[in-house]
Amino acid sequence: MKNSKVFYIMLLILPWLTVPLLRRKSFQKYLPAAIFMSTFTKAIDLYGEKKKWWQFYKGIPPLDSMDFFNFGPYLITSLWMLKMNYGKTLQYFILNIILHIFFIYLGGLKLVKQYKIFNLKKINKTQYLIIDFLRASLLYGFQYLVNLGHSKNVSP
């Protein structure tokens, strides 16, 4: 369990060390969508846990294990995905699917289970992949709406 706690802390802190590489303008531009996605993901987490789709472990109070994942790599990866791929819709979705397939089918799920973050229960890997794809779609769509709102605020 001690190794899990060290892993939780690293999971939260290490991704944030890449934020200065994003540059301030990109960080500010994509942060609302990333925060929205992390908040939405937390809601899905709670719903899925209630439906027993997955199980989360205790974590380090007051945070459950999934909070470290959501506010560490998930939030920061959302920023990076938007920075590198927003405006290139096909590339965004292809890269997202590839990353999710690697995570789900090639060891990521085993790692999060081993370090007591979460474990799938009533859903299978394909169903989890679909949920991840829908979240990626929502992230891209939210950023599109944010950009649309900004373009309407600019007077000609």
C-alpha atoms as a PDB file:
ATOM      1  CA  MET A   1       0.000   0.000   0.000  1.00  0.00           C
ATOM      2  CA  LYS A   2       2.895   2.371   0.705  1.00  0.00           C
ATOM      3  CA  ASN A   3       4.079   1.957  -2.899  1.00  0.00           C
ATOM      4  CA  SER A   4       0.564   2.858  -4.067  1.00  0.00           C
ATOM      5  CA  LYS A   5       0.643   6.124  -2.123  1.00  0.00           C
ATOM      6  CA  VAL A   6       3.997   7.087  -3.633  1.00  0.00           C
ATOM      7  CA  PHE A   7       2.578   6.195  -7.045  1.00  0.00           C
ATOM      8  CA  TYR A   8      -0.513   8.386  -6.404  1.00  0.00           C
ATOM      9  CA  ILE A   9       1.644  11.374  -5.538  1.00  0.00           C
ATOM     10  CA  MET A  10       3.873  10.840  -8.587  1.00  0.00           C
ATOM     11  CA  LEU A  11       0.765  10.413 -10.738  1.00  0.00           C
ATOM     12  CA  LEU A  12      -0.482  13.794  -9.602  1.00  0.00           C
ATOM     13  CA  ILE A  13       2.790  15.757  -9.679  1.00  0.00           C
ATOM     14  CA  LEU A  14       4.825  14.449 -12.634  1.00  0.00           C
ATOM     15  CA  PRO A  15       2.381  15.436 -15.412  1.00  0.00           C
ATOM     16  CA  TRP A  16       2.239  18.991 -14.026  1.00  0.00           C
ATOM     17  CA  LEU A  17       5.981  19.305 -14.569  1.00  0.00           C
ATOM     18  CA  THR A  18       5.274  19.386 -18.328  1.00  0.00           C
ATOM     19  CA  VAL A  19       2.917  22.381 -18.086  1.00  0.00           C
ATOM     20  CA  PRO A  20       5.649  25.028 -18.621  1.00  0.00           C
ATOM     21  CA  LEU A  21       6.336  23.384 -21.994  1.00  0.00           C
ATOM     22  CA  LEU A  22       2.736  24.135 -23.053  1.00  0.00           C
ATOM     23  CA  ARG A  23       3.339  27.878 -22.967  1.00  0.00           C
ATOM     24  CA  ARG A  24       0.995  30.241 -21.176  1.00  0.00           C
ATOM     25  CA  LYS A  25      -1.220  31.031 -24.193  1.00  0.00           C
ATOM     26  CA  SER A  26      -1.960  27.358 -24.916  1.00  0.00           C
ATOM     27  CA  PHE A  27      -2.478  26.608 -21.233  1.00  0.00           C
ATOM     28  CA  GLN A  28      -5.024  29.420 -20.918  1.00  0.00           C
ATOM     29  CA  LYS A  29      -6.717  28.534 -24.203  1.00  0.00           C
ATOM     30  CA  TYR A  30      -7.279  24.848 -23.420  1.00  0.00           C
ATOM     31  CA  LEU A  31      -7.612  24.907 -19.622  1.00  0.00           C
ATOM     32  CA  PRO A  32     -11.409  25.467 -19.563  1.00  0.00           C
ATOM     33  CA  ALA A  33     -12.001  22.375 -21.716  1.00  0.00           C
ATOM     34  CA  ALA A  34      -9.561  20.296 -19.650  1.00  0.00           C
ATOM     35  CA  ILE A  35     -11.215  21.374 -16.381  1.00  0.00           C
ATOM     36  CA  PHE A  36     -14.649  20.660 -17.842  1.00  0.00           C
ATOM     37  CA  MET A  37     -13.456  17.216 -18.921  1.00  0.00           C
ATOM     38  CA  SER A  38     -11.930  16.413 -15.532  1.00  0.00           C
ATOM     39  CA  THR A  39     -15.151  17.491 -13.810  1.00  0.00           C
ATOM     40  CA  PHE A  40     -17.281  15.511 -16.253  1.00  0.00           C
ATOM     41  CA  THR A  41     -14.991  12.511 -15.796  1.00  0.00           C
ATOM     42  CA  LYS A  42     -15.438  12.737 -12.018  1.00  0.00           C
ATOM     43  CA  ALA A  43     -19.223  12.633 -12.558  1.00  0.00           C
ATOM     44  CA  ILE A  44     -18.858   9.576 -14.826  1.00  0.00           C
ATOM     45  CA  ASP A  45     -16.578   7.998 -12.227  1.00  0.00           C
ATOM     46  CA  LEU A  46     -19.203   8.400  -9.520  1.00  0.00           C
ATOM     47  CA  TYR A  47     -21.993   7.140 -11.772  1.00  0.00           C
ATOM     48  CA  GLY A  48     -19.934   4.170 -12.963  1.00  0.00           C
ATOM     49  CA  GLU A  49     -18.925   3.288  -9.429  1.00  0.00           C
ATOM     50  CA  LYS A  50     -22.580   3.354  -8.359  1.00  0.00           C
ATOM     51  CA  LYS A  51     -23.461   1.054 -11.287  1.00  0.00           C
ATOM     52  CA  LYS A  52     -20.430  -1.122 -10.367  1.00  0.00           C
ATOM     53  CA  TRP A  53     -18.827  -0.617 -13.785  1.00  0.00           C
ATOM     54  CA  TRP A  54     -15.538  -0.153 -11.958  1.00  0.00           C
ATOM     55  CA  GLN A  55     -14.079  -0.012  -8.485  1.00  0.00           C
ATOM     56  CA  PHE A  56     -11.901   2.771  -7.128  1.00  0.00           C
ATOM     57  CA  TYR A  57      -9.532   2.302  -4.246  1.00  0.00           C
ATOM     58  CA  LYS A  58      -9.260   4.494  -1.163  1.00  0.00           C
ATOM     59  CA  GLY A  59      -6.367   6.734  -2.249  1.00  0.00           C
ATOM     60  CA  ILE A  60      -5.021   9.296   0.186  1.00  0.00           C
ATOM     61  CA  PRO A  61      -7.895  11.052   2.004  1.00  0.00           C
ATOM     62  CA  PRO A  62      -9.627  13.284   1.156  1.00  0.00           C
ATOM     63  CA  LEU A  63      -8.951  12.148  -2.433  1.00  0.00           C
ATOM     64  CA  ASP A  64      -9.927   8.767  -3.806  1.00  0.00           C
ATOM     65  CA  SER A  65      -7.467   6.976  -6.047  1.00  0.00           C
ATOM     66  CA  MET A  66      -9.125   8.163  -9.255  1.00  0.00           C
ATOM     67  CA  ASP A  67      -8.805  11.835  -8.265  1.00  0.00           C
ATOM     68  CA  PHE A  68      -5.026  11.501  -8.570  1.00  0.00           C
ATOM     69  CA  PHE A  69      -5.488  10.127 -12.081  1.00  0.00           C
ATOM     70  CA  ASN A  70      -8.090  12.740 -13.115  1.00  0.00           C
ATOM     71  CA  PHE A  71      -6.214  15.802 -11.868  1.00  0.00           C
ATOM     72  CA  GLY A  72      -2.793  14.531 -12.895  1.00  0.00           C
ATOM     73  CA  PRO A  73      -2.317  12.685 -16.174  1.00  0.00           C
ATOM     74  CA  TYR A  74      -5.896  12.942 -17.429  1.00  0.00           C
ATOM     75  CA  LEU A  75      -6.144  16.732 -17.089  1.00  0.00           C
ATOM     76  CA  ILE A  76      -2.642  17.362 -18.433  1.00  0.00           C
ATOM     77  CA  THR A  77      -3.043  14.879 -21.294  1.00  0.00           C
ATOM     78  CA  SER A  78      -6.247  16.703 -22.268  1.00  0.00           C
ATOM     79  CA  LEU A  79      -4.276  19.962 -22.482  1.00  0.00           C
ATOM     80  CA  TRP A  80      -1.541  18.368 -24.588  1.00  0.00           C
ATOM     81  CA  MET A  81      -3.972  16.569 -26.910  1.00  0.00           C
ATOM     82  CA  LEU A  82      -5.791  19.815 -27.614  1.00  0.00           C
ATOM     83  CA  LYS A  83      -2.584  21.796 -28.049  1.00  0.00           C
ATOM     84  CA  MET A  84      -1.089  19.325 -30.513  1.00  0.00           C
ATOM     85  CA  ASN A  85      -4.218  18.268 -32.382  1.00  0.00           C
ATOM     86  CA  TYR A  86      -7.041  20.789 -32.050  1.00  0.00           C
ATOM     87  CA  GLY A  87      -8.129  21.909 -35.510  1.00  0.00           C
ATOM     88  CA  LYS A  88      -6.919  18.608 -36.989  1.00  0.00           C
ATOM     89  CA  THR A  89     -10.052  16.621 -36.223  1.00  0.00           C
ATOM     90  CA  LEU A  90      -9.169  13.338 -37.906  1.00  0.00           C
ATOM     91  CA  GLN A  91      -5.651  13.354 -36.441  1.00  0.00           C
ATOM     92  CA  TYR A  92      -7.076  14.127 -32.972  1.00  0.00           C
ATOM     93  CA  PHE A  93      -9.468  11.183 -33.054  1.00  0.00           C
ATOM     94  CA  ILE A  94      -6.987   8.720 -34.557  1.00  0.00           C
ATOM     95  CA  LEU A  95      -4.334   9.608 -31.990  1.00  0.00           C
ATOM     96  CA  ASN A  96      -6.872   9.444 -29.176  1.00  0.00           C
ATOM     97  CA  ILE A  97      -8.057   5.987 -30.216  1.00  0.00           C
ATOM     98  CA  ILE A  98      -4.458   4.757 -30.500  1.00  0.00           C
ATOM     99  CA  LEU A  99      -3.581   6.083 -27.030  1.00  0.00           C
ATOM    100  CA  HIS A 100      -6.716   4.566 -25.506  1.00  0.00           C
ATOM    101  CA  ILE A 101      -6.088   1.209 -27.168  1.00  0.00           C
ATOM    102  CA  PHE A 102      -2.537   1.196 -25.815  1.00  0.00           C
ATOM    103  CA  PHE A 103      -3.769   2.088 -22.330  1.00  0.00           C
ATOM    104  CA  ILE A 104      -6.658  -0.368 -22.268  1.00  0.00           C
ATOM    105  CA  TYR A 105      -5.254  -3.352 -24.113  1.00  0.00           C
ATOM    106  CA  LEU A 106      -1.484  -3.080 -23.719  1.00  0.00           C
ATOM    107  CA  GLY A 107      -0.871  -2.747 -20.014  1.00  0.00           C
ATOM    108  CA  GLY A 108      -2.297   0.498 -18.675  1.00  0.00           C
ATOM    109  CA  LEU A 109      -5.307  -1.167 -17.064  1.00  0.00           C
ATOM    110  CA  LYS A 110      -3.030  -3.760 -15.453  1.00  0.00           C
ATOM    111  CA  LEU A 111      -0.872  -0.958 -14.060  1.00  0.00           C
ATOM    112  CA  VAL A 112      -3.774   0.987 -12.536  1.00  0.00           C
ATOM    113  CA  LYS A 113      -5.085  -2.221 -10.994  1.00  0.00           C
ATOM    114  CA  GLN A 114      -1.645  -3.153  -9.644  1.00  0.00           C
ATOM    115  CA  TYR A 115      -1.213   0.278  -8.031  1.00  0.00           C
ATOM    116  CA  LYS A 116      -4.770   0.255  -6.699  1.00  0.00           C
ATOM    117  CA  ILE A 117      -6.231   3.120  -8.686  1.00  0.00           C
ATOM    118  CA  PHE A 118      -9.190   1.367 -10.279  1.00  0.00           C
ATOM    119  CA  ASN A 119     -10.362  -1.919 -11.674  1.00  0.00           C
ATOM    120  CA  LEU A 120     -13.054  -2.681 -14.242  1.00  0.00           C
ATOM    121  CA  LYS A 121     -15.953  -4.717 -12.839  1.00  0.00           C
ATOM    122  CA  LYS A 122     -19.204  -4.906 -14.836  1.00  0.00           C
ATOM    123  CA  ILE A 123     -17.886  -3.496 -18.112  1.00  0.00           C
ATOM    124  CA  ASN A 124     -15.323  -4.986 -20.434  1.00  0.00           C
ATOM    125  CA  LYS A 125     -12.363  -3.329 -22.139  1.00  0.00           C
ATOM    126  CA  THR A 126     -14.296  -2.585 -25.342  1.00  0.00           C
ATOM    127  CA  GLN A 127     -17.057  -0.836 -23.409  1.00  0.00           C
ATOM    128  CA  TYR A 128     -14.425   1.162 -21.547  1.00  0.00           C
ATOM    129  CA  LEU A 129     -12.830   2.101 -24.888  1.00  0.00           C
ATOM    130  CA  ILE A 130     -16.214   3.403 -26.084  1.00  0.00           C
ATOM    131  CA  ILE A 131     -16.578   5.509 -22.927  1.00  0.00           C
ATOM    132  CA  ASP A 132     -13.078   6.920 -23.448  1.00  0.00           C
ATOM    133  CA  PHE A 133     -13.859   7.709 -27.103  1.00  0.00           C
ATOM    134  CA  LEU A 134     -17.054   9.516 -26.078  1.00  0.00           C
ATOM    135  CA  ARG A 135     -15.103  11.529 -23.503  1.00  0.00           C
ATOM    136  CA  ALA A 136     -12.522  12.454 -26.161  1.00  0.00           C
ATOM    137  CA  SER A 137     -15.356  13.561 -28.454  1.00  0.00           C
ATOM    138  CA  LEU A 138     -16.872  15.664 -25.695  1.00  0.00           C
ATOM    139  CA  LEU A 139     -13.484  17.276 -24.958  1.00  0.00           C
ATOM    140  CA  TYR A 140     -13.036  18.233 -28.610  1.00  0.00           C
ATOM    141  CA  GLY A 141     -16.645  19.442 -28.882  1.00  0.00           C
ATOM    142  CA  PHE A 142     -16.348  21.554 -25.741  1.00  0.00           C
ATOM    143  CA  GLN A 143     -13.191  23.212 -27.058  1.00  0.00           C
ATOM    144  CA  TYR A 144     -14.984  23.854 -30.355  1.00  0.00           C
ATOM    145  CA  LEU A 145     -17.804  25.615 -28.479  1.00  0.00           C
ATOM    146  CA  VAL A 146     -15.295  27.662 -26.449  1.00  0.00           C
ATOM    147  CA  ASN A 147     -13.587  28.762 -29.675  1.00  0.00           C
ATOM    148  CA  LEU A 148     -16.948  29.515 -31.285  1.00  0.00           C
ATOM    149  CA  GLY A 149     -17.848  31.702 -28.299  1.00  0.00           C
ATOM    150  CA  HIS A 150     -14.540  33.561 -28.545  1.00  0.00           C
ATOM    151  CA  SER A 151     -14.951  34.181 -32.281  1.00  0.00           C
ATOM    152  CA  LYS A 152     -18.421  35.664 -31.733  1.00  0.00           C
ATOM    153  CA  ASN A 153     -17.019  38.044 -29.085  1.00  0.00           C
ATOM    154  CA  VAL A 154     -14.506  39.481 -31.559  1.00  0.00           C
ATOM    155  CA  SER A 155     -16.000  42.443 -33.416  1.00  0.00           C
ATOM    156  CA  PRO A 156     -15.109  42.945 -37.064  1.00  0.00           C
END
